[in-house]
């Protein structure tokens, strides 16, 4: 398991240099055939980013710990995360993937640990209140985001044979 180091999370400033860099990375991820941001235009991506928190992780940092309550779901923007059961890596998630959505939507405790597999991992985090606010203020962006999460979840279920 991780060495217990803290991860860095930042509320995004829509005018800052970090915002522009994150927008560029999101657009690269969004052009994939299926990702969290598939089918979204720039305004919709920006609306989603405005409701998210960016998190930077380094190799071994724990993003999700088994048994903890699920208060957020995460989208991988850059590099890789390992999904672990004990010391066994059961899956690797990379740019465009969503992590933690099952426990988040079902309000269950986390069932696996998720750690940064590499340095310079970047994710964005969405809380329930952020998603509810997005639904109220930007319903088209929220609809596309939730639809993409649903499709990504279906891909996971089909891929595991369940």
C-alpha atoms as a PDB file:
ATOM      1  CA  UNK A   1       0.000   0.000   0.000  1.00  0.00           C
ATOM      2  CA  UNK A   2       1.031   3.633  -0.303  1.00  0.00           C
ATOM      3  CA  UNK A   3       3.426   5.246   2.100  1.00  0.00           C
ATOM      4  CA  UNK A   4       0.666   7.480   3.421  1.00  0.00           C
ATOM      5  CA  UNK A   5       1.804  10.589   1.591  1.00  0.00           C
ATOM      6  CA  UNK A   6      -0.788  13.278   1.047  1.00  0.00           C
ATOM      7  CA  UNK A   7      -2.121  14.026  -2.387  1.00  0.00           C
ATOM      8  CA  UNK A   8      -2.516  17.573  -3.642  1.00  0.00           C
ATOM      9  CA  UNK A   9      -5.945  18.826  -4.650  1.00  0.00           C
ATOM     10  CA  UNK A  10      -6.779  22.254  -5.980  1.00  0.00           C
ATOM     11  CA  UNK A  11      -9.969  24.160  -6.672  1.00  0.00           C
ATOM     12  CA  UNK A  12      -9.462  25.393 -10.207  1.00  0.00           C
ATOM     13  CA  UNK A  13      -9.132  29.082 -11.061  1.00  0.00           C
ATOM     14  CA  UNK A  14     -10.736  29.564 -14.473  1.00  0.00           C
ATOM     15  CA  UNK A  15      -8.264  32.328 -15.314  1.00  0.00           C
ATOM     16  CA  UNK A  16      -5.050  30.548 -14.368  1.00  0.00           C
ATOM     17  CA  UNK A  17      -2.338  28.800 -16.317  1.00  0.00           C
ATOM     18  CA  UNK A  18      -3.211  25.472 -14.633  1.00  0.00           C
ATOM     19  CA  UNK A  19      -6.767  25.826 -15.963  1.00  0.00           C
ATOM     20  CA  UNK A  20      -5.506  26.195 -19.527  1.00  0.00           C
ATOM     21  CA  UNK A  21      -3.203  23.178 -19.170  1.00  0.00           C
ATOM     22  CA  UNK A  22      -6.000  21.060 -17.714  1.00  0.00           C
ATOM     23  CA  UNK A  23      -8.358  22.141 -20.509  1.00  0.00           C
ATOM     24  CA  UNK A  24      -5.778  21.017 -23.069  1.00  0.00           C
ATOM     25  CA  UNK A  25      -5.378  17.616 -21.398  1.00  0.00           C
ATOM     26  CA  UNK A  26      -9.146  17.173 -21.086  1.00  0.00           C
ATOM     27  CA  UNK A  27      -9.608  17.897 -24.781  1.00  0.00           C
ATOM     28  CA  UNK A  28      -6.956  15.270 -25.615  1.00  0.00           C
ATOM     29  CA  UNK A  29      -8.826  12.733 -23.468  1.00  0.00           C
ATOM     30  CA  UNK A  30     -12.197  13.874 -24.817  1.00  0.00           C
ATOM     31  CA  UNK A  31     -11.334  13.028 -28.400  1.00  0.00           C
ATOM     32  CA  UNK A  32     -11.082   9.355 -27.509  1.00  0.00           C
ATOM     33  CA  UNK A  33     -13.938   7.248 -28.796  1.00  0.00           C
ATOM     34  CA  UNK A  34     -15.281   6.730 -25.277  1.00  0.00           C
ATOM     35  CA  UNK A  35     -14.254   8.872 -22.333  1.00  0.00           C
ATOM     36  CA  UNK A  36     -15.896  10.923 -19.634  1.00  0.00           C
ATOM     37  CA  UNK A  37     -15.906  13.938 -21.948  1.00  0.00           C
ATOM     38  CA  UNK A  38     -16.960  12.232 -25.201  1.00  0.00           C
ATOM     39  CA  UNK A  39     -19.311  14.287 -27.333  1.00  0.00           C
ATOM     40  CA  UNK A  40     -18.845  17.471 -25.314  1.00  0.00           C
ATOM     41  CA  UNK A  41     -18.035  20.845 -26.766  1.00  0.00           C
ATOM     42  CA  UNK A  42     -15.598  23.271 -25.128  1.00  0.00           C
ATOM     43  CA  UNK A  43     -18.304  25.072 -23.124  1.00  0.00           C
ATOM     44  CA  UNK A  44     -19.643  21.794 -21.720  1.00  0.00           C
ATOM     45  CA  UNK A  45     -16.156  20.596 -20.773  1.00  0.00           C
ATOM     46  CA  UNK A  46     -15.489  23.953 -19.092  1.00  0.00           C
ATOM     47  CA  UNK A  47     -18.780  23.698 -17.165  1.00  0.00           C
ATOM     48  CA  UNK A  48     -17.779  20.255 -15.879  1.00  0.00           C
ATOM     49  CA  UNK A  49     -14.278  21.396 -14.962  1.00  0.00           C
ATOM     50  CA  UNK A  50     -15.673  24.370 -13.067  1.00  0.00           C
ATOM     51  CA  UNK A  51     -17.506  21.935 -10.770  1.00  0.00           C
ATOM     52  CA  UNK A  52     -14.516  19.656 -10.241  1.00  0.00           C
ATOM     53  CA  UNK A  53     -11.383  19.601  -8.125  1.00  0.00           C
ATOM     54  CA  UNK A  54      -8.031  18.690  -9.685  1.00  0.00           C
ATOM     55  CA  UNK A  55      -5.891  16.182  -7.798  1.00  0.00           C
ATOM     56  CA  UNK A  56      -2.205  15.466  -8.437  1.00  0.00           C
ATOM     57  CA  UNK A  57      -0.751  12.139  -7.290  1.00  0.00           C
ATOM     58  CA  UNK A  58       2.693  10.580  -7.285  1.00  0.00           C
ATOM     59  CA  UNK A  59       3.566   6.904  -7.542  1.00  0.00           C
ATOM     60  CA  UNK A  60       2.188   5.046  -4.528  1.00  0.00           C
ATOM     61  CA  UNK A  61      -0.212   7.776  -3.387  1.00  0.00           C
ATOM     62  CA  UNK A  62      -3.590   6.390  -2.319  1.00  0.00           C
ATOM     63  CA  UNK A  63      -6.532   8.024  -4.085  1.00  0.00           C
ATOM     64  CA  UNK A  64      -9.158   5.609  -2.721  1.00  0.00           C
ATOM     65  CA  UNK A  65      -8.902   3.350   0.322  1.00  0.00           C
ATOM     66  CA  UNK A  66     -10.997   0.211   0.723  1.00  0.00           C
ATOM     67  CA  UNK A  67     -13.753   0.615   3.295  1.00  0.00           C
ATOM     68  CA  UNK A  68     -13.858   4.416   3.183  1.00  0.00           C
ATOM     69  CA  UNK A  69     -17.126   6.156   2.352  1.00  0.00           C
ATOM     70  CA  UNK A  70     -17.608   7.144  -1.268  1.00  0.00           C
ATOM     71  CA  UNK A  71     -17.967  10.922  -1.357  1.00  0.00           C
ATOM     72  CA  UNK A  72     -16.496  11.522  -4.831  1.00  0.00           C
ATOM     73  CA  UNK A  73     -16.008   9.912  -8.201  1.00  0.00           C
ATOM     74  CA  UNK A  74     -12.868  10.518 -10.201  1.00  0.00           C
ATOM     75  CA  UNK A  75     -11.856  10.879 -13.847  1.00  0.00           C
ATOM     76  CA  UNK A  76      -8.281  10.060 -14.844  1.00  0.00           C
ATOM     77  CA  UNK A  77      -6.787  12.873 -16.914  1.00  0.00           C
ATOM     78  CA  UNK A  78      -3.161  11.779 -17.147  1.00  0.00           C
ATOM     79  CA  UNK A  79      -1.046   8.692 -16.384  1.00  0.00           C
ATOM     80  CA  UNK A  80      -2.247   5.509 -14.634  1.00  0.00           C
ATOM     81  CA  UNK A  81      -3.948   4.307 -11.478  1.00  0.00           C
ATOM     82  CA  UNK A  82      -3.894   0.749 -10.150  1.00  0.00           C
ATOM     83  CA  UNK A  83      -7.008  -0.822  -8.652  1.00  0.00           C
ATOM     84  CA  UNK A  84      -5.850  -3.220  -5.939  1.00  0.00           C
ATOM     85  CA  UNK A  85      -7.280  -5.992  -3.825  1.00  0.00           C
ATOM     86  CA  UNK A  86      -4.697  -6.298  -1.077  1.00  0.00           C
ATOM     87  CA  UNK A  87      -1.345  -6.408  -2.862  1.00  0.00           C
ATOM     88  CA  UNK A  88      -2.822  -7.727  -6.139  1.00  0.00           C
ATOM     89  CA  UNK A  89      -3.380  -5.312  -9.018  1.00  0.00           C
ATOM     90  CA  UNK A  90      -6.771  -6.232 -10.488  1.00  0.00           C
ATOM     91  CA  UNK A  91      -7.064  -3.386 -13.009  1.00  0.00           C
ATOM     92  CA  UNK A  92      -5.244  -0.375 -14.389  1.00  0.00           C
ATOM     93  CA  UNK A  93      -7.141   2.794 -15.215  1.00  0.00           C
ATOM     94  CA  UNK A  94      -5.747   5.465 -17.515  1.00  0.00           C
ATOM     95  CA  UNK A  95      -6.690   8.768 -19.169  1.00  0.00           C
ATOM     96  CA  UNK A  96     -10.389   8.892 -19.971  1.00  0.00           C
ATOM     97  CA  UNK A  97     -11.386   6.293 -17.383  1.00  0.00           C
ATOM     98  CA  UNK A  98     -13.670   6.862 -14.411  1.00  0.00           C
ATOM     99  CA  UNK A  99     -12.882   5.475 -10.946  1.00  0.00           C
ATOM    100  CA  UNK A 100     -15.122   5.007  -7.927  1.00  0.00           C
ATOM    101  CA  UNK A 101     -18.448   5.492  -9.655  1.00  0.00           C
ATOM    102  CA  UNK A 102     -20.151   2.328  -8.371  1.00  0.00           C
ATOM    103  CA  UNK A 103     -19.623   3.036  -4.668  1.00  0.00           C
ATOM    104  CA  UNK A 104     -20.318   6.731  -5.288  1.00  0.00           C
ATOM    105  CA  UNK A 105     -23.699   6.254  -6.954  1.00  0.00           C
ATOM    106  CA  UNK A 106     -24.778   3.416  -4.639  1.00  0.00           C
ATOM    107  CA  UNK A 107     -23.434   5.183  -1.512  1.00  0.00           C
ATOM    108  CA  UNK A 108     -21.462   2.119  -0.515  1.00  0.00           C
ATOM    109  CA  UNK A 109     -18.043   1.871   1.132  1.00  0.00           C
ATOM    110  CA  UNK A 110     -15.129   1.566  -1.284  1.00  0.00           C
ATOM    111  CA  UNK A 111     -14.440  -2.049  -2.271  1.00  0.00           C
ATOM    112  CA  UNK A 112     -10.850  -1.668  -3.515  1.00  0.00           C
ATOM    113  CA  UNK A 113      -7.787   0.466  -3.009  1.00  0.00           C
ATOM    114  CA  UNK A 114      -6.773   2.763  -5.876  1.00  0.00           C
ATOM    115  CA  UNK A 115      -3.190   4.037  -5.983  1.00  0.00           C
ATOM    116  CA  UNK A 116      -1.105   6.043  -8.404  1.00  0.00           C
ATOM    117  CA  UNK A 117       0.866   3.622 -10.583  1.00  0.00           C
ATOM    118  CA  UNK A 118       3.157   6.340 -11.909  1.00  0.00           C
ATOM    119  CA  UNK A 119       4.301   9.836 -11.080  1.00  0.00           C
ATOM    120  CA  UNK A 120       2.410  12.847 -12.408  1.00  0.00           C
ATOM    121  CA  UNK A 121      -1.022  11.250 -12.171  1.00  0.00           C
ATOM    122  CA  UNK A 122      -3.755  13.812 -12.635  1.00  0.00           C
ATOM    123  CA  UNK A 123      -7.430  13.258 -11.887  1.00  0.00           C
ATOM    124  CA  UNK A 124     -10.483  15.429 -11.472  1.00  0.00           C
ATOM    125  CA  UNK A 125     -12.918  14.760  -8.672  1.00  0.00           C
ATOM    126  CA  UNK A 126     -16.672  15.316  -8.644  1.00  0.00           C
ATOM    127  CA  UNK A 127     -18.703  15.395  -5.427  1.00  0.00           C
ATOM    128  CA  UNK A 128     -22.436  14.704  -5.261  1.00  0.00           C
ATOM    129  CA  UNK A 129     -23.149  18.368  -4.555  1.00  0.00           C
ATOM    130  CA  UNK A 130     -21.001  19.432  -7.525  1.00  0.00           C
ATOM    131  CA  UNK A 131     -22.893  17.072  -9.837  1.00  0.00           C
ATOM    132  CA  UNK A 132     -26.249  18.298  -8.499  1.00  0.00           C
ATOM    133  CA  UNK A 133     -25.188  21.891  -9.093  1.00  0.00           C
ATOM    134  CA  UNK A 134     -24.067  20.988 -12.629  1.00  0.00           C
ATOM    135  CA  UNK A 135     -27.477  19.388 -13.273  1.00  0.00           C
ATOM    136  CA  UNK A 136     -29.238  22.582 -12.152  1.00  0.00           C
ATOM    137  CA  UNK A 137     -26.985  25.082 -13.916  1.00  0.00           C
ATOM    138  CA  UNK A 138     -25.758  23.217 -17.025  1.00  0.00           C
ATOM    139  CA  UNK A 139     -28.244  20.403 -17.699  1.00  0.00           C
ATOM    140  CA  UNK A 140     -26.913  19.545 -21.176  1.00  0.00           C
ATOM    141  CA  UNK A 141     -23.335  19.174 -19.932  1.00  0.00           C
ATOM    142  CA  UNK A 142     -24.543  17.182 -16.918  1.00  0.00           C
ATOM    143  CA  UNK A 143     -26.605  14.881 -19.146  1.00  0.00           C
ATOM    144  CA  UNK A 144     -23.625  14.135 -21.376  1.00  0.00           C
ATOM    145  CA  UNK A 145     -21.337  13.611 -18.379  1.00  0.00           C
ATOM    146  CA  UNK A 146     -23.733  11.188 -16.683  1.00  0.00           C
ATOM    147  CA  UNK A 147     -24.451   9.381 -19.964  1.00  0.00           C
ATOM    148  CA  UNK A 148     -20.705   8.921 -20.534  1.00  0.00           C
ATOM    149  CA  UNK A 149     -20.279   7.606 -16.984  1.00  0.00           C
ATOM    150  CA  UNK A 150     -23.072   5.110 -17.704  1.00  0.00           C
ATOM    151  CA  UNK A 151     -21.407   3.955 -20.920  1.00  0.00           C
ATOM    152  CA  UNK A 152     -18.024   3.596 -19.212  1.00  0.00           C
ATOM    153  CA  UNK A 153     -19.636   1.564 -16.434  1.00  0.00           C
ATOM    154  CA  UNK A 154     -21.292  -0.712 -19.001  1.00  0.00           C
ATOM    155  CA  UNK A 155     -17.894  -1.286 -20.648  1.00  0.00           C
ATOM    156  CA  UNK A 156     -16.478  -2.316 -17.246  1.00  0.00           C
ATOM    157  CA  UNK A 157     -19.370  -4.706 -16.579  1.00  0.00           C
ATOM    158  CA  UNK A 158     -19.118  -6.296 -20.023  1.00  0.00           C
ATOM    159  CA  UNK A 159     -15.338  -6.551 -19.659  1.00  0.00           C
ATOM    160  CA  UNK A 160     -15.627  -8.470 -16.378  1.00  0.00           C
ATOM    161  CA  UNK A 161     -18.316 -10.822 -17.668  1.00  0.00           C
ATOM    162  CA  UNK A 162     -20.833  -9.825 -14.963  1.00  0.00           C
END
